[in-house]
Amino acid sequence: MNRTADIAVAGFGLAVSSPILGLSALAIKLTSDGPVLYRQQRVGRDGDDFELLKLRTMIVGAEKMGAGFAVDRGDSRITRVGRLLRRLSLDELPQLWNVLRGDMSIVGPRPTLRYQVDNYTPRQRRRLEARPGLTGWAQVNGRAELPWEERIELDVWYVEHRSAGLDLRILLRTPRSLFHGTYKGAGGGWRHGGSKDTSS
């Protein structure tokens, strides 16, 4: 049932957002050199790698410059169009395709980078028992304002208690969490300051 719902929601979301995706892609292409999509290896369910898709919001090769995989407020590597896409979370829309492919779910822990997973404790690895999601329990309970370990613990709690009711609760709280913060870090969270792991 969860997979069927994912396909239905992702398919509907792509259909509805296709004009926005098209305009965003055009804006990226006209204002900066490089591809429209940014592709990055992330860790999915059971520790399997998959290719996460995002609209590119940083200059090409950003992860090899400056702070590397960290993004701070006002980072000069973020393009002008990229700042707007991040603020509105439009850069995440291509991940609906990841949901259709089965790499991700609508609700679940946000996908992380391999080096982060390599540092998980045995309990934290329980986070990998669920498909990563577009939104999750940690995202609606503080997002990037929380310490990293606390976010992981929230995701583990979700894995241990997940249900259709909990997923619905997360979905209903997601819009408020999107607009609560003032800066979107590269890993998909909104921050009032500090840094996050980059997804360009």
N, C-alpha and C. Protein backbone atom coordinates (compact mmCIF):
# COMPACT_ATOMS: atom_id res chain seq x y z
N MET A 1 0.83 -1.20 0.00
CA MET A 1 0.00 0.00 0.00
C MET A 1 0.87 1.26 0.00
N ASN A 2 1.95 1.25 0.75
CA ASN A 2 2.83 2.41 0.82
C ASN A 2 3.45 2.70 -0.54
N ARG A 3 3.89 1.64 -1.23
CA ARG A 3 4.52 1.81 -2.54
C ARG A 3 3.50 2.33 -3.56
N THR A 4 2.29 1.83 -3.49
CA THR A 4 1.23 2.31 -4.39
C THR A 4 0.95 3.78 -4.16
N ALA A 5 0.90 4.18 -2.91
CA ALA A 5 0.66 5.58 -2.58
C ALA A 5 1.82 6.45 -3.06
N ASP A 6 3.05 5.95 -2.90
CA ASP A 6 4.22 6.69 -3.37
C ASP A 6 4.13 6.96 -4.87
N ILE A 7 3.80 5.92 -5.62
CA ILE A 7 3.72 6.06 -7.08
C ILE A 7 2.63 7.05 -7.47
N ALA A 8 1.48 6.95 -6.81
CA ALA A 8 0.37 7.85 -7.12
C ALA A 8 0.72 9.30 -6.81
N VAL A 9 1.28 9.53 -5.63
CA VAL A 9 1.60 10.90 -5.22
C VAL A 9 2.72 11.47 -6.07
N ALA A 10 3.76 10.66 -6.33
CA ALA A 10 4.89 11.14 -7.12
C ALA A 10 4.48 11.43 -8.56
N GLY A 11 3.67 10.55 -9.12
CA GLY A 11 3.21 10.76 -10.48
C GLY A 11 2.37 12.02 -10.61
N PHE A 12 1.46 12.21 -9.66
CA PHE A 12 0.63 13.41 -9.65
C PHE A 12 1.49 14.65 -9.44
N GLY A 13 2.47 14.54 -8.52
CA GLY A 13 3.34 15.68 -8.24
C GLY A 13 4.16 16.10 -9.45
N LEU A 14 4.69 15.12 -10.18
CA LEU A 14 5.46 15.45 -11.38
C LEU A 14 4.58 16.10 -12.45
N ALA A 15 3.36 15.59 -12.60
CA ALA A 15 2.46 16.16 -13.59
C ALA A 15 2.11 17.61 -13.25
N VAL A 16 1.81 17.86 -12.00
CA VAL A 16 1.42 19.20 -11.58
C VAL A 16 2.60 20.17 -11.62
N SER A 17 3.78 19.68 -11.24
CA SER A 17 4.94 20.56 -11.13
C SER A 17 5.74 20.68 -12.42
N SER A 18 5.33 20.00 -13.49
CA SER A 18 6.11 20.02 -14.72
C SER A 18 6.31 21.44 -15.28
N PRO A 19 5.32 22.34 -15.23
CA PRO A 19 5.59 23.70 -15.70
C PRO A 19 6.65 24.41 -14.85
N ILE A 20 6.60 24.20 -13.53
CA ILE A 20 7.59 24.81 -12.63
C ILE A 20 8.97 24.23 -12.91
N LEU A 21 9.04 22.92 -13.11
CA LEU A 21 10.31 22.29 -13.43
C LEU A 21 10.87 22.84 -14.74
N GLY A 22 10.00 23.00 -15.72
CA GLY A 22 10.45 23.52 -17.00
C GLY A 22 11.00 24.93 -16.90
N LEU A 23 10.29 25.80 -16.19
CA LEU A 23 10.74 27.18 -16.01
C LEU A 23 12.03 27.24 -15.20
N SER A 24 12.12 26.39 -14.18
CA SER A 24 13.33 26.36 -13.35
C SER A 24 14.53 25.90 -14.17
N ALA A 25 14.32 24.87 -14.99
CA ALA A 25 15.40 24.36 -15.84
C ALA A 25 15.87 25.43 -16.81
N LEU A 26 14.93 26.16 -17.39
CA LEU A 26 15.28 27.22 -18.32
C LEU A 26 16.08 28.32 -17.62
N ALA A 27 15.65 28.68 -16.42
CA ALA A 27 16.35 29.73 -15.66
C ALA A 27 17.78 29.30 -15.33
N ILE A 28 17.95 28.04 -14.94
CA ILE A 28 19.29 27.54 -14.64
C ILE A 28 20.17 27.59 -15.88
N LYS A 29 19.64 27.15 -16.99
CA LYS A 29 20.41 27.08 -18.23
C LYS A 29 20.80 28.46 -18.73
N LEU A 30 19.92 29.45 -18.56
CA LEU A 30 20.19 30.78 -19.08
C LEU A 30 21.13 31.60 -18.19
N THR A 31 21.25 31.21 -16.93
CA THR A 31 22.02 32.04 -16.00
C THR A 31 23.33 31.44 -15.51
N SER A 32 23.59 30.17 -15.83
CA SER A 32 24.86 29.57 -15.39
C SER A 32 25.26 28.44 -16.32
N ASP A 33 26.56 28.21 -16.39
CA ASP A 33 27.07 27.12 -17.22
C ASP A 33 26.94 25.79 -16.48
N GLY A 34 26.66 24.74 -17.23
CA GLY A 34 26.57 23.43 -16.63
C GLY A 34 25.21 22.79 -16.82
N PRO A 35 25.06 21.56 -16.35
CA PRO A 35 23.79 20.83 -16.51
C PRO A 35 22.69 21.39 -15.63
N VAL A 36 21.47 21.09 -16.01
CA VAL A 36 20.31 21.51 -15.22
C VAL A 36 20.19 20.66 -13.95
N LEU A 37 20.42 19.37 -14.10
CA LEU A 37 20.29 18.46 -12.96
C LEU A 37 21.63 18.23 -12.28
N TYR A 38 21.57 18.10 -10.96
CA TYR A 38 22.73 17.71 -10.18
C TYR A 38 22.49 16.29 -9.69
N ARG A 39 23.47 15.42 -9.91
CA ARG A 39 23.34 14.02 -9.52
C ARG A 39 24.38 13.71 -8.45
N GLN A 40 23.95 13.04 -7.40
CA GLN A 40 24.87 12.72 -6.31
C GLN A 40 24.53 11.35 -5.74
N GLN A 41 25.55 10.59 -5.43
CA GLN A 41 25.35 9.29 -4.82
C GLN A 41 24.92 9.46 -3.37
N ARG A 42 23.81 8.86 -3.01
CA ARG A 42 23.33 8.86 -1.64
C ARG A 42 23.09 7.42 -1.20
N VAL A 43 22.88 7.24 0.09
CA VAL A 43 22.67 5.91 0.65
C VAL A 43 21.19 5.70 0.90
N GLY A 44 20.64 4.61 0.37
CA GLY A 44 19.23 4.32 0.51
C GLY A 44 18.95 3.19 1.47
N ARG A 45 17.82 2.54 1.27
CA ARG A 45 17.40 1.45 2.16
C ARG A 45 18.41 0.31 2.12
N ASP A 46 18.67 -0.27 3.28
CA ASP A 46 19.60 -1.39 3.44
C ASP A 46 21.02 -1.03 3.07
N GLY A 47 21.32 0.28 3.03
CA GLY A 47 22.69 0.72 2.76
C GLY A 47 23.08 0.72 1.30
N ASP A 48 22.12 0.54 0.41
CA ASP A 48 22.42 0.53 -1.03
C ASP A 48 22.52 1.96 -1.56
N ASP A 49 23.51 2.18 -2.42
CA ASP A 49 23.69 3.49 -3.03
C ASP A 49 22.67 3.71 -4.16
N PHE A 50 22.28 4.95 -4.35
CA PHE A 50 21.45 5.32 -5.49
C PHE A 50 21.81 6.73 -5.91
N GLU A 51 21.40 7.12 -7.11
CA GLU A 51 21.70 8.43 -7.64
C GLU A 51 20.55 9.39 -7.37
N LEU A 52 20.78 10.33 -6.48
CA LEU A 52 19.76 11.31 -6.13
C LEU A 52 19.79 12.45 -7.14
N LEU A 53 18.60 12.94 -7.52
CA LEU A 53 18.48 14.00 -8.51
C LEU A 53 17.99 15.29 -7.85
N LYS A 54 18.60 16.40 -8.25
CA LYS A 54 18.16 17.71 -7.79
C LYS A 54 18.36 18.69 -8.93
N LEU A 55 17.64 19.79 -8.90
CA LEU A 55 17.96 20.90 -9.79
C LEU A 55 19.26 21.51 -9.29
N ARG A 56 20.16 21.81 -10.20
CA ARG A 56 21.48 22.34 -9.78
C ARG A 56 21.32 23.77 -9.27
N THR A 57 21.83 24.01 -8.07
CA THR A 57 21.73 25.32 -7.46
C THR A 57 23.09 25.94 -7.16
N MET A 58 24.16 25.20 -7.45
CA MET A 58 25.51 25.70 -7.20
C MET A 58 26.32 25.62 -8.48
N ILE A 59 27.45 26.29 -8.49
CA ILE A 59 28.30 26.24 -9.67
C ILE A 59 28.86 24.83 -9.82
N VAL A 60 29.21 24.46 -11.04
CA VAL A 60 29.73 23.12 -11.32
C VAL A 60 31.01 22.88 -10.53
N GLY A 61 31.11 21.72 -9.89
CA GLY A 61 32.30 21.37 -9.12
C GLY A 61 32.36 22.02 -7.75
N ALA A 62 31.23 22.51 -7.24
CA ALA A 62 31.21 23.24 -5.97
C ALA A 62 31.75 22.41 -4.80
N GLU A 63 31.47 21.09 -4.84
CA GLU A 63 31.90 20.26 -3.71
C GLU A 63 33.42 20.13 -3.61
N LYS A 64 34.14 20.57 -4.67
CA LYS A 64 35.61 20.52 -4.66
C LYS A 64 36.21 21.89 -4.37
N MET A 65 35.38 22.86 -4.06
CA MET A 65 35.83 24.22 -3.79
C MET A 65 35.46 24.64 -2.38
N GLY A 66 36.13 25.65 -1.89
CA GLY A 66 35.77 26.27 -0.63
C GLY A 66 35.59 25.28 0.51
N ALA A 67 34.39 25.28 1.08
CA ALA A 67 34.09 24.43 2.25
C ALA A 67 33.75 23.00 1.86
N GLY A 68 33.86 22.67 0.58
CA GLY A 68 33.61 21.29 0.15
C GLY A 68 32.16 20.89 0.33
N PHE A 69 31.93 19.86 1.16
CA PHE A 69 30.58 19.35 1.37
C PHE A 69 29.79 20.13 2.41
N ALA A 70 30.28 21.30 2.78
CA ALA A 70 29.54 22.14 3.72
C ALA A 70 29.10 23.41 3.02
N VAL A 71 27.92 23.88 3.38
CA VAL A 71 27.37 25.10 2.77
C VAL A 71 26.94 26.03 3.90
N ASP A 72 27.45 27.25 3.88
CA ASP A 72 27.10 28.23 4.90
C ASP A 72 26.18 29.29 4.32
N ARG A 73 25.55 30.03 5.19
CA ARG A 73 24.69 31.12 4.77
C ARG A 73 25.48 32.08 3.86
N GLY A 74 24.92 32.44 2.72
CA GLY A 74 25.59 33.36 1.82
C GLY A 74 26.72 32.74 1.03
N ASP A 75 26.79 31.42 0.96
CA ASP A 75 27.86 30.73 0.23
C ASP A 75 27.92 31.25 -1.21
N SER A 76 29.10 31.70 -1.61
CA SER A 76 29.25 32.29 -2.94
C SER A 76 29.13 31.27 -4.06
N ARG A 77 29.17 29.98 -3.75
CA ARG A 77 29.05 28.96 -4.79
C ARG A 77 27.61 28.75 -5.23
N ILE A 78 26.67 29.23 -4.46
CA ILE A 78 25.26 29.11 -4.83
C ILE A 78 24.94 30.16 -5.89
N THR A 79 24.30 29.75 -6.96
CA THR A 79 23.97 30.67 -8.03
C THR A 79 22.79 31.55 -7.62
N ARG A 80 22.58 32.62 -8.39
CA ARG A 80 21.47 33.54 -8.10
C ARG A 80 20.13 32.81 -8.17
N VAL A 81 19.93 32.05 -9.25
CA VAL A 81 18.71 31.26 -9.38
C VAL A 81 18.64 30.19 -8.31
N GLY A 82 19.80 29.61 -7.98
CA GLY A 82 19.86 28.55 -6.98
C GLY A 82 19.35 29.00 -5.61
N ARG A 83 19.62 30.25 -5.26
CA ARG A 83 19.15 30.75 -3.96
C ARG A 83 17.62 30.72 -3.88
N LEU A 84 17.00 31.12 -4.97
CA LEU A 84 15.54 31.11 -5.00
C LEU A 84 15.00 29.69 -4.98
N LEU A 85 15.61 28.81 -5.76
CA LEU A 85 15.15 27.41 -5.80
C LEU A 85 15.27 26.76 -4.43
N ARG A 86 16.36 27.04 -3.73
CA ARG A 86 16.55 26.47 -2.39
C ARG A 86 15.54 27.04 -1.40
N ARG A 87 15.33 28.33 -1.48
CA ARG A 87 14.42 28.97 -0.53
C ARG A 87 13.01 28.40 -0.64
N LEU A 88 12.61 28.06 -1.87
CA LEU A 88 11.27 27.52 -2.10
C LEU A 88 11.24 26.00 -2.16
N SER A 89 12.41 25.36 -1.96
CA SER A 89 12.54 23.90 -2.02
C SER A 89 12.20 23.33 -3.40
N LEU A 90 12.25 24.15 -4.44
CA LEU A 90 11.95 23.67 -5.78
C LEU A 90 13.06 22.77 -6.31
N ASP A 91 14.26 22.92 -5.78
CA ASP A 91 15.37 22.08 -6.24
C ASP A 91 15.16 20.61 -5.90
N GLU A 92 14.24 20.32 -4.97
CA GLU A 92 13.99 18.94 -4.57
C GLU A 92 12.99 18.22 -5.48
N LEU A 93 12.30 18.96 -6.35
CA LEU A 93 11.23 18.36 -7.16
C LEU A 93 11.68 17.16 -7.99
N PRO A 94 12.88 17.15 -8.59
CA PRO A 94 13.29 15.97 -9.36
C PRO A 94 13.34 14.68 -8.55
N GLN A 95 13.36 14.79 -7.22
CA GLN A 95 13.38 13.59 -6.40
C GLN A 95 12.05 12.83 -6.47
N LEU A 96 11.03 13.47 -7.01
CA LEU A 96 9.80 12.72 -7.28
C LEU A 96 10.07 11.59 -8.26
N TRP A 97 11.02 11.80 -9.16
CA TRP A 97 11.43 10.73 -10.08
C TRP A 97 12.13 9.61 -9.32
N ASN A 98 12.94 9.98 -8.30
CA ASN A 98 13.56 8.98 -7.44
C ASN A 98 12.50 8.13 -6.74
N VAL A 99 11.37 8.78 -6.38
CA VAL A 99 10.28 8.05 -5.73
C VAL A 99 9.66 7.07 -6.73
N LEU A 100 9.40 7.53 -7.94
CA LEU A 100 8.83 6.65 -8.96
C LEU A 100 9.73 5.46 -9.25
N ARG A 101 11.05 5.68 -9.24
CA ARG A 101 11.99 4.60 -9.52
C ARG A 101 12.11 3.62 -8.36
N GLY A 102 11.63 4.00 -7.20
CA GLY A 102 11.71 3.12 -6.04
C GLY A 102 12.93 3.37 -5.18
N ASP A 103 13.74 4.39 -5.50
CA ASP A 103 14.90 4.72 -4.68
C ASP A 103 14.48 5.35 -3.36
N MET A 104 13.37 6.11 -3.42
CA MET A 104 12.92 6.89 -2.27
C MET A 104 11.43 6.70 -2.07
N SER A 105 10.96 7.23 -0.95
CA SER A 105 9.53 7.25 -0.63
C SER A 105 9.14 8.71 -0.40
N ILE A 106 7.84 8.98 -0.35
CA ILE A 106 7.41 10.35 -0.04
C ILE A 106 7.80 10.71 1.39
N VAL A 107 7.62 9.77 2.31
CA VAL A 107 7.96 10.00 3.72
C VAL A 107 9.02 9.00 4.16
N GLY A 108 10.04 9.49 4.83
CA GLY A 108 11.11 8.64 5.33
C GLY A 108 12.30 9.49 5.73
N PRO A 109 13.33 8.91 6.30
CA PRO A 109 14.53 9.68 6.65
C PRO A 109 15.16 10.28 5.40
N ARG A 110 15.66 11.48 5.49
CA ARG A 110 16.31 12.10 4.35
C ARG A 110 17.58 11.30 3.98
N PRO A 111 17.85 11.12 2.69
CA PRO A 111 19.03 10.34 2.29
C PRO A 111 20.33 11.06 2.63
N THR A 112 21.29 10.31 3.10
CA THR A 112 22.55 10.91 3.52
C THR A 112 23.71 10.40 2.67
N LEU A 113 24.87 10.96 2.92
CA LEU A 113 26.08 10.63 2.17
C LEU A 113 26.78 9.41 2.78
N ARG A 114 27.56 8.73 1.97
CA ARG A 114 28.22 7.50 2.41
C ARG A 114 29.13 7.73 3.61
N TYR A 115 29.88 8.83 3.63
CA TYR A 115 30.81 9.04 4.73
C TYR A 115 30.07 9.22 6.05
N GLN A 116 28.83 9.73 5.99
CA GLN A 116 28.04 9.86 7.21
C GLN A 116 27.57 8.49 7.69
N VAL A 117 27.10 7.68 6.76
CA VAL A 117 26.64 6.34 7.12
C VAL A 117 27.76 5.49 7.68
N ASP A 118 28.96 5.67 7.17
CA ASP A 118 30.11 4.90 7.65
C ASP A 118 30.41 5.17 9.11
N ASN A 119 29.91 6.29 9.64
CA ASN A 119 30.14 6.64 11.04
C ASN A 119 28.95 6.32 11.94
N TYR A 120 27.92 5.67 11.40
CA TYR A 120 26.76 5.30 12.20
C TYR A 120 27.12 4.26 13.25
N THR A 121 26.45 4.33 14.39
CA THR A 121 26.50 3.26 15.38
C THR A 121 25.53 2.16 14.92
N PRO A 122 25.61 0.96 15.53
CA PRO A 122 24.65 -0.08 15.15
C PRO A 122 23.20 0.37 15.28
N ARG A 123 22.87 1.13 16.32
CA ARG A 123 21.49 1.61 16.46
C ARG A 123 21.14 2.60 15.35
N GLN A 124 22.06 3.50 15.04
CA GLN A 124 21.79 4.49 14.01
C GLN A 124 21.60 3.85 12.64
N ARG A 125 22.18 2.68 12.42
CA ARG A 125 22.02 2.00 11.14
C ARG A 125 20.58 1.52 10.93
N ARG A 126 19.78 1.50 11.97
CA ARG A 126 18.37 1.16 11.82
C ARG A 126 17.67 2.18 10.92
N ARG A 127 18.23 3.36 10.82
CA ARG A 127 17.72 4.40 9.94
C ARG A 127 17.62 3.91 8.50
N LEU A 128 18.46 2.96 8.14
CA LEU A 128 18.51 2.45 6.77
C LEU A 128 17.47 1.37 6.49
N GLU A 129 16.64 1.05 7.47
CA GLU A 129 15.62 0.02 7.28
C GLU A 129 14.43 0.53 6.46
N ALA A 130 14.34 1.83 6.29
CA ALA A 130 13.26 2.43 5.51
C ALA A 130 13.83 3.14 4.29
N ARG A 131 13.03 3.24 3.25
CA ARG A 131 13.44 4.04 2.10
C ARG A 131 13.61 5.49 2.54
N PRO A 132 14.62 6.17 2.05
CA PRO A 132 14.73 7.61 2.35
C PRO A 132 13.56 8.36 1.74
N GLY A 133 13.21 9.49 2.35
CA GLY A 133 12.02 10.20 1.92
C GLY A 133 12.26 11.65 1.52
N LEU A 134 11.26 12.22 0.86
CA LEU A 134 11.29 13.65 0.55
C LEU A 134 11.13 14.48 1.81
N THR A 135 10.35 13.97 2.74
CA THR A 135 10.17 14.62 4.03
C THR A 135 10.14 13.53 5.10
N GLY A 136 10.40 13.91 6.33
CA GLY A 136 10.47 12.89 7.38
C GLY A 136 10.22 13.46 8.76
N TRP A 137 10.28 12.59 9.75
CA TRP A 137 9.99 12.96 11.14
C TRP A 137 10.98 14.00 11.65
N ALA A 138 12.25 13.86 11.29
CA ALA A 138 13.24 14.86 11.72
C ALA A 138 12.99 16.21 11.07
N GLN A 139 12.53 16.20 9.81
CA GLN A 139 12.30 17.44 9.09
C GLN A 139 11.16 18.26 9.70
N VAL A 140 10.17 17.61 10.25
CA VAL A 140 9.04 18.36 10.84
C VAL A 140 9.23 18.58 12.34
N ASN A 141 10.38 18.21 12.86
CA ASN A 141 10.67 18.40 14.28
C ASN A 141 11.98 19.17 14.49
N GLY A 142 12.23 20.14 13.63
CA GLY A 142 13.39 20.98 13.83
C GLY A 142 14.35 21.05 12.67
N ARG A 143 14.35 20.01 11.82
CA ARG A 143 15.20 19.98 10.64
C ARG A 143 16.64 20.28 11.02
N ALA A 144 17.32 21.15 10.26
CA ALA A 144 18.76 21.37 10.45
C ALA A 144 19.08 22.17 11.71
N GLU A 145 18.06 22.65 12.41
CA GLU A 145 18.33 23.36 13.66
C GLU A 145 18.73 22.38 14.77
N LEU A 146 18.49 21.10 14.56
CA LEU A 146 18.80 20.09 15.56
C LEU A 146 20.22 19.54 15.37
N PRO A 147 20.86 19.10 16.46
CA PRO A 147 22.15 18.43 16.33
C PRO A 147 22.00 17.18 15.46
N TRP A 148 23.07 16.82 14.75
CA TRP A 148 23.03 15.68 13.83
C TRP A 148 22.57 14.41 14.52
N GLU A 149 23.11 14.11 15.71
CA GLU A 149 22.75 12.88 16.41
C GLU A 149 21.28 12.86 16.78
N GLU A 150 20.72 14.02 17.12
CA GLU A 150 19.31 14.07 17.48
C GLU A 150 18.42 13.83 16.27
N ARG A 151 18.84 14.34 15.11
CA ARG A 151 18.08 14.09 13.90
C ARG A 151 18.06 12.60 13.56
N ILE A 152 19.21 11.95 13.72
CA ILE A 152 19.27 10.52 13.44
C ILE A 152 18.36 9.77 14.39
N GLU A 153 18.38 10.15 15.67
CA GLU A 153 17.53 9.48 16.66
C GLU A 153 16.06 9.64 16.32
N LEU A 154 15.67 10.82 15.84
CA LEU A 154 14.28 11.03 15.42
C LEU A 154 13.92 10.11 14.25
N ASP A 155 14.86 9.93 13.32
CA ASP A 155 14.62 9.05 12.18
C ASP A 155 14.53 7.59 12.61
N VAL A 156 15.36 7.20 13.58
CA VAL A 156 15.28 5.83 14.09
C VAL A 156 13.94 5.61 14.78
N TRP A 157 13.49 6.62 15.53
CA TRP A 157 12.17 6.53 16.17
C TRP A 157 11.09 6.33 15.12
N TYR A 158 11.20 7.06 14.00
CA TYR A 158 10.21 6.92 12.93
C TYR A 158 10.21 5.49 12.39
N VAL A 159 11.38 4.94 12.16
CA VAL A 159 11.48 3.58 11.63
C VAL A 159 10.81 2.59 12.58
N GLU A 160 10.97 2.80 13.87
CA GLU A 160 10.41 1.89 14.87
C GLU A 160 8.90 2.07 15.04
N HIS A 161 8.36 3.21 14.65
CA HIS A 161 6.94 3.49 14.89
C HIS A 161 6.16 3.84 13.64
N ARG A 162 6.74 3.64 12.48
CA ARG A 162 6.09 4.10 11.25
C ARG A 162 4.73 3.43 11.04
N SER A 163 3.83 4.23 10.51
CA SER A 163 2.47 3.78 10.22
C SER A 163 1.86 4.76 9.24
N ALA A 164 0.73 4.40 8.65
CA ALA A 164 0.05 5.31 7.73
C ALA A 164 -0.36 6.59 8.44
N GLY A 165 -0.80 6.45 9.69
CA GLY A 165 -1.20 7.62 10.47
C GLY A 165 -0.04 8.57 10.72
N LEU A 166 1.13 8.01 11.05
CA LEU A 166 2.30 8.84 11.31
C LEU A 166 2.76 9.53 10.02
N ASP A 167 2.72 8.80 8.90
CA ASP A 167 3.09 9.40 7.62
C ASP A 167 2.18 10.58 7.28
N LEU A 168 0.88 10.41 7.51
CA LEU A 168 -0.07 11.49 7.24
C LEU A 168 0.22 12.70 8.14
N ARG A 169 0.55 12.43 9.38
CA ARG A 169 0.88 13.51 10.32
C ARG A 169 2.10 14.29 9.83
N ILE A 170 3.10 13.58 9.32
CA ILE A 170 4.31 14.22 8.80
C ILE A 170 3.99 15.07 7.58
N LEU A 171 3.18 14.52 6.68
CA LEU A 171 2.82 15.26 5.47
C LEU A 171 2.07 16.55 5.80
N LEU A 172 1.18 16.49 6.78
CA LEU A 172 0.41 17.67 7.15
C LEU A 172 1.29 18.74 7.80
N ARG A 173 2.35 18.32 8.46
CA ARG A 173 3.24 19.27 9.14
C ARG A 173 4.36 19.78 8.24
N THR A 174 4.56 19.15 7.09
CA THR A 174 5.68 19.51 6.22
C THR A 174 5.63 20.95 5.71
N PRO A 175 4.49 21.45 5.20
CA PRO A 175 4.47 22.83 4.69
C PRO A 175 4.94 23.85 5.73
N ARG A 176 4.53 23.68 6.96
CA ARG A 176 4.93 24.62 8.01
C ARG A 176 6.44 24.58 8.24
N SER A 177 7.01 23.38 8.21
CA SER A 177 8.45 23.26 8.44
C SER A 177 9.26 23.84 7.30
N LEU A 178 8.72 23.79 6.08
CA LEU A 178 9.42 24.34 4.92
C LEU A 178 9.64 25.84 5.04
N PHE A 179 8.64 26.53 5.58
CA PHE A 179 8.70 27.98 5.61
C PHE A 179 9.07 28.53 6.98
N HIS A 180 9.44 27.64 7.92
CA HIS A 180 9.80 28.11 9.26
C HIS A 180 11.19 28.69 9.30
N GLY A 181 12.14 28.05 8.57
CA GLY A 181 13.52 28.49 8.60
C GLY A 181 13.79 29.62 7.63
N THR A 182 15.03 30.12 7.65
CA THR A 182 15.38 31.24 6.79
C THR A 182 16.44 30.89 5.77
N TYR A 183 17.09 29.73 5.91
CA TYR A 183 18.13 29.35 4.97
C TYR A 183 18.13 27.87 4.77
N LYS A 184 18.17 27.45 3.55
CA LYS A 184 18.15 26.04 3.24
C LYS A 184 19.57 25.52 3.05
N GLY A 185 20.01 24.66 3.94
CA GLY A 185 21.31 24.04 3.79
C GLY A 185 21.31 23.04 2.67
N ALA A 186 22.49 22.62 2.26
CA ALA A 186 22.60 21.80 1.07
C ALA A 186 21.99 20.42 1.21
N GLY A 187 21.91 19.91 2.41
CA GLY A 187 21.35 18.58 2.57
C GLY A 187 19.85 18.55 2.60
N GLY A 188 19.22 19.68 2.35
CA GLY A 188 17.76 19.70 2.29
C GLY A 188 17.12 20.34 3.48
N GLY A 189 17.90 20.77 4.50
CA GLY A 189 17.32 21.38 5.68
C GLY A 189 17.41 22.89 5.62
N TRP A 190 16.57 23.56 6.41
CA TRP A 190 16.60 25.01 6.48
C TRP A 190 17.34 25.39 7.75
N ARG A 191 18.18 26.42 7.62
CA ARG A 191 18.99 26.82 8.76
C ARG A 191 18.88 28.31 9.03
N HIS A 192 19.12 28.68 10.28
CA HIS A 192 19.28 30.08 10.63
C HIS A 192 20.76 30.43 10.62
N GLY A 193 21.62 29.44 10.49
CA GLY A 193 23.06 29.67 10.44
C GLY A 193 23.77 28.33 10.45
N GLY A 194 25.11 28.37 10.41
CA GLY A 194 25.88 27.14 10.44
C GLY A 194 26.05 26.54 9.07
N SER A 195 26.30 25.23 9.01
CA SER A 195 26.57 24.60 7.72
C SER A 195 25.90 23.25 7.64
N LYS A 196 25.81 22.77 6.42
CA LYS A 196 25.20 21.48 6.16
C LYS A 196 25.99 20.75 5.09
N ASP A 197 25.71 19.46 4.92
CA ASP A 197 26.36 18.71 3.85
C ASP A 197 25.76 19.11 2.51
N THR A 198 26.63 19.31 1.54
CA THR A 198 26.18 19.87 0.27
C THR A 198 25.55 18.84 -0.65
N SER A 199 24.53 19.27 -1.37
CA SER A 199 23.93 18.47 -2.44
C SER A 199 23.88 19.30 -3.71
N SER A 200 24.50 20.48 -3.66
CA SER A 200 24.47 21.43 -4.78
C SER A 200 23.07 21.61 -5.31
